[in-house]
Amino acid sequence: MAITEGDTKSDSRLIFTYGTLKRGFPNHSLMENLIDGGNVVFVGEYTTVETFPLACGPYGIPYLINIRGSGHRVRGELYKVNSGGLGPLDDLEGIEIGHYERLPVTVAGDGGETVAAEAHFAHRSFGEGMWKRCGEKGLKNPPLMELGNKYERKEERPSNHVSLQDIRNFITNGD
């Protein structure tokens, strides 16, 4: 699908998703709701131009880690998102609490065209530690079955859990 003006409001940006927000994955219902509300448009399947680590943390949460040149080229989906859709995505990803941060990434479509987008990366406060904890071995585009078997939705996690503390525990203790 070509990226055209008028698909969403003019305040839109391109967001690259690589994990639970992709079609068929556990959090895609949020994307569907945002699409139905006119805040998001699916652009197509894209792959990062550079290689990045993709690691699985506590609760089976996938993290793209901002260490360019490590890991693999990551396959995902590109969406055109307006400001009405960006807030709910950033909320899910925990931008304000330092869970993820939205950073620039260049992605390529199947036809070779490249575009500048943004992706939710593991926050810099723990990204490198997560990569080291995972043995510096990144996932290569985990299939739905693999990710789905590991991923625990927010409502399934212990009610007293604190995401950033769970990440620190995972990095230090392997818990």
Protein backbone atom coordinates (compact mmCIF):
# COMPACT_ATOMS: atom_id res chain seq x y z
CA MET A 1 0.00 0.00 0.00
CA ALA A 2 1.38 3.39 -0.91
CA ILE A 3 1.77 5.97 1.81
CA THR A 4 -0.52 8.81 0.86
CA GLU A 5 -1.78 11.98 2.45
CA GLY A 6 -5.37 11.88 3.51
CA ASP A 7 -5.24 8.37 4.98
CA THR A 8 -5.32 9.93 8.46
CA LYS A 9 -5.17 13.50 9.73
CA SER A 10 -2.17 15.58 8.66
CA ASP A 11 -0.51 15.26 12.09
CA SER A 12 0.35 11.63 11.41
CA ARG A 13 3.61 9.73 11.64
CA LEU A 14 4.75 6.25 10.64
CA ILE A 15 5.04 3.69 13.43
CA PHE A 16 6.81 0.37 12.93
CA THR A 17 5.50 -2.51 15.06
CA TYR A 18 7.40 -5.76 15.56
CA GLY A 19 5.71 -7.60 18.42
CA THR A 20 2.35 -7.93 20.11
CA LEU A 21 0.69 -5.14 18.10
CA LYS A 22 1.08 -6.97 14.77
CA ARG A 23 -1.90 -8.61 13.08
CA GLY A 24 -2.76 -11.91 14.76
CA PHE A 25 -0.80 -11.09 17.92
CA PRO A 26 -2.22 -10.50 21.43
CA ASN A 27 -2.43 -6.67 21.43
CA HIS A 28 -3.53 -6.17 17.83
CA SER A 29 -7.08 -5.47 19.01
CA LEU A 30 -5.83 -2.02 20.06
CA MET A 31 -4.68 -1.39 16.47
CA GLU A 32 -8.02 -2.63 15.14
CA ASN A 33 -9.89 -0.22 17.43
CA LEU A 34 -7.66 2.65 16.34
CA ILE A 35 -8.13 1.70 12.68
CA ASP A 36 -11.92 1.56 13.16
CA GLY A 37 -11.76 5.01 14.79
CA GLY A 38 -9.88 6.49 11.83
CA ASN A 39 -6.68 7.10 13.82
CA VAL A 40 -4.49 4.42 12.24
CA VAL A 41 -4.00 3.06 8.72
CA PHE A 42 -2.13 -0.17 7.97
CA VAL A 43 0.62 0.59 5.41
CA GLY A 44 2.22 -2.83 4.94
CA GLU A 45 4.91 -5.25 5.98
CA TYR A 46 8.36 -3.73 6.36
CA THR A 47 11.79 -4.75 7.65
CA THR A 48 14.37 -2.65 9.47
CA VAL A 49 17.21 -1.54 7.19
CA GLU A 50 19.74 -1.94 10.01
CA THR A 51 20.06 -4.91 12.35
CA PHE A 52 18.84 -4.62 15.94
CA PRO A 53 18.54 -7.04 18.83
CA LEU A 54 15.03 -8.33 19.47
CA ALA A 55 14.85 -9.89 22.93
CA CYS A 56 12.14 -11.45 25.06
CA GLY A 57 11.87 -10.16 28.63
CA PRO A 58 9.66 -10.91 31.61
CA TYR A 59 6.09 -11.99 30.83
CA GLY A 60 7.23 -12.83 27.29
CA ILE A 61 7.31 -9.16 26.30
CA PRO A 62 9.34 -8.53 23.13
CA TYR A 63 11.82 -5.64 23.17
CA LEU A 64 13.58 -4.07 20.22
CA ILE A 65 16.89 -2.85 21.63
CA ASN A 66 18.63 0.21 20.25
CA ILE A 67 22.02 -1.37 19.57
CA ARG A 68 22.45 -0.87 15.85
CA GLY A 69 24.50 -3.52 14.09
CA SER A 70 23.64 -6.33 16.53
CA GLY A 71 20.91 -8.92 16.16
CA HIS A 72 18.96 -9.22 12.92
CA ARG A 73 16.94 -7.16 10.50
CA VAL A 74 13.52 -7.20 12.13
CA ARG A 75 10.33 -7.82 10.15
CA GLY A 76 7.19 -6.04 11.24
CA GLU A 77 4.28 -3.89 10.17
CA LEU A 78 4.13 -0.20 9.37
CA TYR A 79 1.17 1.95 10.34
CA LYS A 80 0.32 5.58 9.67
CA VAL A 81 -0.84 6.93 13.05
CA ASN A 82 -2.33 10.32 13.88
CA SER A 83 -2.14 12.04 17.27
CA GLY A 84 -5.42 10.40 18.33
CA GLY A 85 -3.82 6.99 17.85
CA LEU A 86 -0.35 7.80 19.15
CA GLY A 87 -1.48 8.40 22.74
CA PRO A 88 -3.06 4.95 23.21
CA LEU A 89 -0.01 3.26 21.62
CA ASP A 90 2.40 5.17 23.85
CA ASP A 91 0.21 4.34 26.88
CA LEU A 92 0.30 0.62 26.07
CA GLU A 93 4.09 0.79 25.65
CA GLY A 94 4.58 2.70 28.91
CA ILE A 95 6.40 5.67 27.40
CA GLU A 96 5.75 7.93 30.40
CA ILE A 97 7.01 5.39 32.94
CA GLY A 98 10.22 4.56 31.04
CA HIS A 99 9.22 1.11 29.79
CA TYR A 100 9.74 1.87 26.10
CA GLU A 101 10.86 4.94 24.19
CA ARG A 102 9.81 5.88 20.69
CA LEU A 103 12.87 6.34 18.47
CA PRO A 104 13.56 6.80 14.75
CA VAL A 105 14.15 3.74 12.57
CA THR A 106 14.46 3.29 8.82
CA VAL A 107 12.44 0.45 7.34
CA ALA A 108 12.20 -1.04 3.88
CA GLY A 109 9.15 -2.39 2.10
CA ASP A 110 9.15 -5.57 0.06
CA GLY A 111 9.72 -3.50 -3.07
CA GLY A 112 12.90 -2.02 -1.60
CA GLU A 113 11.51 1.46 -0.88
CA THR A 114 12.78 2.88 2.42
CA VAL A 115 10.94 5.20 4.77
CA ALA A 116 11.73 6.94 8.03
CA ALA A 117 9.50 5.74 10.84
CA GLU A 118 9.51 5.36 14.61
CA ALA A 119 9.45 2.22 16.74
CA HIS A 120 9.02 1.52 20.43
CA PHE A 121 12.45 0.42 21.70
CA ALA A 122 13.32 -0.89 25.16
CA HIS A 123 14.12 2.13 27.29
CA ARG A 124 17.81 3.04 27.34
CA SER A 125 17.91 2.56 31.13
CA PHE A 126 17.69 -1.22 30.69
CA GLY A 127 17.96 -2.08 26.97
CA GLU A 128 21.63 -3.04 26.98
CA GLY A 129 21.20 -5.02 30.21
CA MET A 130 18.29 -6.91 28.66
CA TRP A 131 20.44 -7.74 25.62
CA LYS A 132 23.27 -9.03 27.82
CA ARG A 133 20.84 -11.00 30.02
CA CYS A 134 19.51 -12.71 26.88
CA GLY A 135 23.05 -13.85 26.02
CA GLU A 136 23.32 -11.30 23.21
CA LYS A 137 21.25 -13.66 21.08
CA GLY A 138 18.32 -11.96 19.46
CA LEU A 139 15.10 -13.43 18.25
CA LYS A 140 14.56 -13.45 14.53
CA ASN A 141 10.96 -12.44 13.96
CA PRO A 142 9.29 -14.79 16.42
CA PRO A 143 6.23 -16.51 15.02
CA LEU A 144 2.85 -16.01 16.67
CA MET A 145 2.99 -19.47 18.26
CA GLU A 146 6.36 -18.81 19.92
CA LEU A 147 5.51 -15.35 21.16
CA GLY A 148 1.93 -16.22 22.03
CA ASN A 149 3.02 -19.08 24.27
CA LYS A 150 5.34 -16.81 26.28
CA TYR A 151 3.39 -13.55 26.36
CA GLU A 152 1.21 -12.73 29.37
CA ARG A 153 -1.33 -9.96 28.89
CA LYS A 154 -1.32 -7.14 31.45
CA GLU A 155 -4.51 -8.42 33.04
CA GLU A 156 -2.94 -11.89 33.52
CA ARG A 157 0.12 -10.60 35.39
CA PRO A 158 0.23 -10.44 39.20
CA SER A 159 -1.74 -7.43 40.42
CA ASN A 160 1.20 -6.18 42.50
CA HIS A 161 3.78 -6.33 39.71
CA VAL A 162 5.76 -3.25 38.76
CA SER A 163 7.05 -3.51 35.18
CA LEU A 164 10.36 -1.72 35.65
CA GLN A 165 11.14 -3.65 38.84
CA ASP A 166 10.25 -6.90 37.07
CA ILE A 167 12.69 -5.94 34.30
CA ARG A 168 15.44 -5.11 36.79
CA ASN A 169 14.86 -8.47 38.52
CA PHE A 170 14.94 -10.27 35.18
CA ILE A 171 18.22 -8.61 34.21
CA THR A 172 19.93 -9.18 37.56
CA ASN A 173 18.48 -12.46 38.74
CA GLY A 174 16.98 -14.05 35.68
CA ASP A 175 13.54 -13.98 37.38
